[in-house]
Amino acid sequence: MKLYLLIVGMAAGLVLVNGAISGTGSCSIDKGTCTSLFSGFPHVQSDLNKYTKQMLDKSYDFLLLSSAFDVYSLDRPGFEKLYRKVSDKAWEDTIELIKYQSRRGGYVQLGEEGSTSVHDVASLLQSNETSSLGLALEYEKLLATEAHRMHKKISHADSTKHYDPDVAHYLDEKLIEYQSGQIRKLSGYIKNLNDIINEANTKALGVQLFDDYLDKAE
């Protein structure tokens, strides 16, 4: 009797599952539409693609910015190390974003069209200690705000129709948490450096010591 009920239950379950799958019309082997796309990911797919381009631009921009402080330019190894580190992290984030979108069935296109670089080459190469920190903070805030917007777009608080907890978790763990810490750190650096520069008699020595600190801290 138990075996009979088990068989009947399994058969009913298969009917329900098959009905649910066929009812969606989203998967057809003949048409090649069986992909790993599901849940609210398609709703934010284009945003993630654009964000990946922005992150790649960030990597190149901060690599260029670091060159403005190398031994052949301003000779500030601490600042050079800070911006090279930011560039490397952005490069790693770009790779992780591509991997994540591929895992979710997305296709990432990184073309020249639609470049989203925040600053041009001239402004990056002409940066000094204070302006470069301000530029870095502006950049982090820009990308953090965009990450928050994407999170809201697929979060339960914004829309149950496009809710995707997997994307929200990825944004939280891989991007947003780091960005908030980075923004806090850079704003602290700006405050400390401004205090140093305001001491006219010891300005040059103070900036040198601050660069030495960055070289050790980063």
Protein backbone atom coordinates (compact mmCIF):
# COMPACT_ATOMS: atom_id res chain seq x y z
CA MET A 1 0.00 0.00 0.00
CA LYS A 2 2.78 2.42 0.95
CA LEU A 3 4.68 1.56 -2.23
CA TYR A 4 1.55 2.23 -4.29
CA LEU A 5 1.02 5.64 -2.64
CA LEU A 6 4.68 6.52 -3.18
CA ILE A 7 4.46 5.70 -6.90
CA VAL A 8 1.23 7.69 -7.27
CA GLY A 9 2.79 10.65 -5.43
CA MET A 10 5.90 10.61 -7.60
CA ALA A 11 3.83 10.42 -10.77
CA ALA A 12 1.70 13.37 -9.68
CA GLY A 13 4.80 15.35 -8.83
CA LEU A 14 6.33 14.69 -12.24
CA VAL A 15 3.13 15.82 -13.93
CA LEU A 16 3.19 19.08 -11.97
CA VAL A 17 6.86 19.70 -12.72
CA ASN A 18 6.48 18.94 -16.41
CA GLY A 19 3.47 21.19 -16.57
CA ALA A 20 5.34 24.02 -14.86
CA ILE A 21 8.31 23.70 -17.19
CA SER A 22 6.32 23.42 -20.38
CA GLY A 23 4.09 26.25 -19.27
CA THR A 24 6.93 28.74 -19.09
CA GLY A 25 7.95 28.32 -22.72
CA SER A 26 11.47 29.46 -21.75
CA CYS A 27 13.40 26.33 -22.67
CA SER A 28 13.56 24.69 -26.07
CA ILE A 29 16.38 22.33 -26.96
CA ASP A 30 15.64 22.67 -30.65
CA LYS A 31 15.80 26.47 -30.50
CA GLY A 32 18.86 26.51 -28.24
CA THR A 33 17.13 28.52 -25.52
CA CYS A 34 18.01 26.22 -22.61
CA THR A 35 20.43 28.40 -20.63
CA SER A 36 21.28 29.07 -17.00
CA LEU A 37 19.26 32.31 -17.05
CA PHE A 38 16.63 32.36 -14.33
CA SER A 39 15.02 34.51 -11.65
CA GLY A 40 15.61 38.29 -11.82
CA PHE A 41 19.05 38.19 -13.44
CA PRO A 42 17.89 39.21 -16.95
CA HIS A 43 16.40 42.36 -15.40
CA VAL A 44 19.85 43.55 -14.30
CA GLN A 45 22.01 41.86 -16.93
CA SER A 46 22.66 44.98 -19.04
CA ASP A 47 23.48 46.97 -15.88
CA LEU A 48 26.07 44.40 -14.83
CA ASN A 49 27.59 44.44 -18.31
CA LYS A 50 27.92 48.23 -18.20
CA TYR A 51 29.32 48.02 -14.67
CA THR A 52 31.95 45.53 -15.84
CA LYS A 53 33.11 48.07 -18.44
CA GLN A 54 33.26 50.75 -15.76
CA MET A 55 35.35 48.50 -13.54
CA LEU A 56 37.74 47.75 -16.39
CA ASP A 57 38.06 51.49 -17.08
CA LYS A 58 38.78 52.02 -13.41
CA SER A 59 41.63 49.52 -13.53
CA TYR A 60 43.26 51.30 -16.47
CA ASP A 61 42.64 54.77 -15.02
CA PHE A 62 44.26 54.00 -11.68
CA LEU A 63 47.16 52.24 -13.35
CA LEU A 64 47.71 55.44 -15.31
CA LEU A 65 47.26 57.52 -12.14
CA SER A 66 49.90 55.48 -10.33
CA SER A 67 52.38 56.33 -13.08
CA ALA A 68 52.03 60.03 -12.18
CA PHE A 69 53.70 59.22 -8.84
CA ASP A 70 56.46 56.85 -9.95
CA VAL A 71 60.16 57.55 -9.63
CA TYR A 72 60.22 59.31 -13.02
CA SER A 73 57.46 61.77 -12.09
CA LEU A 74 56.60 62.95 -8.55
CA ASP A 75 58.56 60.12 -6.91
CA ARG A 76 55.90 59.29 -4.31
CA PRO A 77 56.15 55.51 -3.85
CA GLY A 78 53.36 55.48 -1.25
CA PHE A 79 50.84 57.12 -3.58
CA GLU A 80 52.04 54.98 -6.47
CA LYS A 81 51.51 51.85 -4.38
CA LEU A 82 48.05 52.97 -3.25
CA TYR A 83 46.78 53.57 -6.78
CA ARG A 84 48.42 50.46 -8.20
CA LYS A 85 46.63 48.47 -5.50
CA VAL A 86 43.30 50.05 -6.45
CA SER A 87 44.00 49.24 -10.11
CA ASP A 88 44.79 45.61 -9.32
CA LYS A 89 41.61 45.25 -7.24
CA ALA A 90 39.51 46.71 -10.06
CA TRP A 91 41.11 44.25 -12.49
CA GLU A 92 40.27 41.34 -10.18
CA ASP A 93 36.70 42.64 -9.79
CA THR A 94 36.37 42.84 -13.58
CA ILE A 95 37.37 39.19 -13.94
CA GLU A 96 35.02 38.11 -11.14
CA LEU A 97 32.13 40.07 -12.69
CA ILE A 98 32.70 38.33 -16.03
CA LYS A 99 32.82 34.93 -14.34
CA TYR A 100 29.66 35.61 -12.36
CA GLN A 101 27.66 36.78 -15.38
CA SER A 102 28.83 33.74 -17.35
CA ARG A 103 27.71 31.48 -14.50
CA ARG A 104 24.28 33.09 -14.57
CA GLY A 105 23.95 32.62 -18.32
CA GLY A 106 24.90 36.14 -19.35
CA TYR A 107 27.17 37.30 -22.14
CA VAL A 108 29.69 40.06 -21.43
CA GLN A 109 30.78 42.37 -24.21
CA LEU A 110 33.71 44.69 -23.51
CA GLY A 111 33.96 46.87 -26.60
CA GLU A 112 35.27 50.38 -27.08
CA GLU A 113 31.76 51.71 -27.57
CA GLY A 114 30.21 53.27 -24.50
CA SER A 115 33.40 53.85 -22.53
CA THR A 116 32.57 55.17 -19.08
CA SER A 117 35.92 56.46 -17.85
CA VAL A 118 35.46 59.21 -15.29
CA HIS A 119 38.51 61.30 -16.21
CA ASP A 120 40.58 61.87 -19.31
CA VAL A 121 44.26 61.00 -19.59
CA ALA A 122 45.48 64.58 -19.12
CA SER A 123 43.69 65.08 -15.80
CA LEU A 124 45.06 61.81 -14.47
CA LEU A 125 48.67 62.57 -15.41
CA GLN A 126 48.47 66.10 -14.00
CA SER A 127 47.21 65.00 -10.59
CA ASN A 128 49.10 65.89 -7.42
CA GLU A 129 48.80 64.36 -3.95
CA THR A 130 45.62 66.12 -2.86
CA SER A 131 43.78 66.17 -6.20
CA SER A 132 44.51 62.50 -6.80
CA LEU A 133 42.96 61.47 -3.49
CA GLY A 134 39.89 63.54 -4.29
CA LEU A 135 39.70 61.89 -7.71
CA ALA A 136 40.00 58.43 -6.14
CA LEU A 137 37.24 59.17 -3.64
CA GLU A 138 34.97 60.50 -6.41
CA TYR A 139 35.57 57.37 -8.45
CA GLU A 140 34.76 55.02 -5.56
CA LYS A 141 31.57 56.91 -4.73
CA LEU A 142 30.45 56.80 -8.35
CA LEU A 143 30.82 53.03 -8.61
CA ALA A 144 29.42 52.43 -5.12
CA THR A 145 26.30 54.43 -5.96
CA GLU A 146 25.84 52.39 -9.13
CA ALA A 147 26.25 49.14 -7.18
CA HIS A 148 23.59 50.30 -4.70
CA ARG A 149 21.26 51.14 -7.59
CA MET A 150 21.64 47.65 -9.07
CA HIS A 151 21.10 46.10 -5.65
CA LYS A 152 17.86 48.03 -5.23
CA LYS A 153 16.74 47.07 -8.70
CA ILE A 154 16.74 43.35 -7.92
CA SER A 155 16.07 43.46 -4.19
CA HIS A 156 12.82 42.41 -2.55
CA ALA A 157 12.36 45.96 -1.27
CA ASP A 158 12.16 47.31 -4.82
CA SER A 159 10.29 44.66 -6.77
CA THR A 160 9.15 41.12 -6.03
CA LYS A 161 8.83 40.52 -9.77
CA HIS A 162 12.57 40.87 -10.41
CA TYR A 163 13.84 39.70 -7.03
CA ASP A 164 17.16 37.86 -7.26
CA PRO A 165 18.86 37.17 -3.90
CA ASP A 166 21.88 35.62 -5.61
CA VAL A 167 22.76 38.84 -7.44
CA ALA A 168 22.08 40.87 -4.28
CA HIS A 169 24.41 38.61 -2.27
CA TYR A 170 27.13 38.89 -4.92
CA LEU A 171 26.94 42.68 -4.93
CA ASP A 172 27.02 42.81 -1.12
CA GLU A 173 29.91 40.42 -0.65
CA LYS A 174 32.12 41.21 -3.63
CA LEU A 175 31.60 44.94 -4.18
CA ILE A 176 29.54 46.98 -1.73
CA GLU A 177 31.31 45.96 1.47
CA TYR A 178 34.74 46.75 0.00
CA GLN A 179 33.56 50.04 -1.48
CA SER A 180 32.19 51.40 1.79
CA GLY A 181 35.49 50.63 3.52
CA GLN A 182 37.49 52.16 0.69
CA ILE A 183 35.43 55.35 0.75
CA ARG A 184 35.95 55.68 4.48
CA LYS A 185 39.70 55.10 4.12
CA LEU A 186 40.17 57.60 1.30
CA SER A 187 38.14 60.30 3.05
CA GLY A 188 40.36 59.79 6.10
CA TYR A 189 43.48 60.14 3.98
CA ILE A 190 42.15 63.40 2.54
CA LYS A 191 41.41 64.80 6.00
CA ASN A 192 44.88 63.90 7.28
CA LEU A 193 46.67 65.26 4.23
CA ASN A 194 44.73 68.53 4.36
CA ASP A 195 45.75 68.97 8.00
CA ILE A 196 49.38 68.43 7.01
CA ILE A 197 49.26 70.88 4.10
CA ASN A 198 47.74 73.60 6.30
CA GLU A 199 50.93 73.60 8.38
CA ALA A 200 52.95 75.81 6.05
CA ASN A 201 56.27 75.52 7.91
CA THR A 202 56.32 71.72 7.85
CA LYS A 203 54.27 71.08 4.71
CA ALA A 204 57.04 69.52 2.58
CA LEU A 205 58.24 67.24 5.38
CA GLY A 206 54.69 66.34 6.33
CA VAL A 207 53.75 65.27 2.80
CA GLN A 208 56.91 63.17 2.60
CA LEU A 209 56.10 61.45 5.90
CA PHE A 210 52.51 60.88 4.75
CA ASP A 211 53.81 59.21 1.59
CA ASP A 212 56.11 57.05 3.73
CA TYR A 213 53.07 56.05 5.78
CA LEU A 214 51.14 55.05 2.63
CA ASP A 215 54.10 53.01 1.46
CA LYS A 216 53.96 50.99 4.68
CA ALA A 217 50.17 50.91 5.16
CA GLU A 218 49.25 49.84 1.66
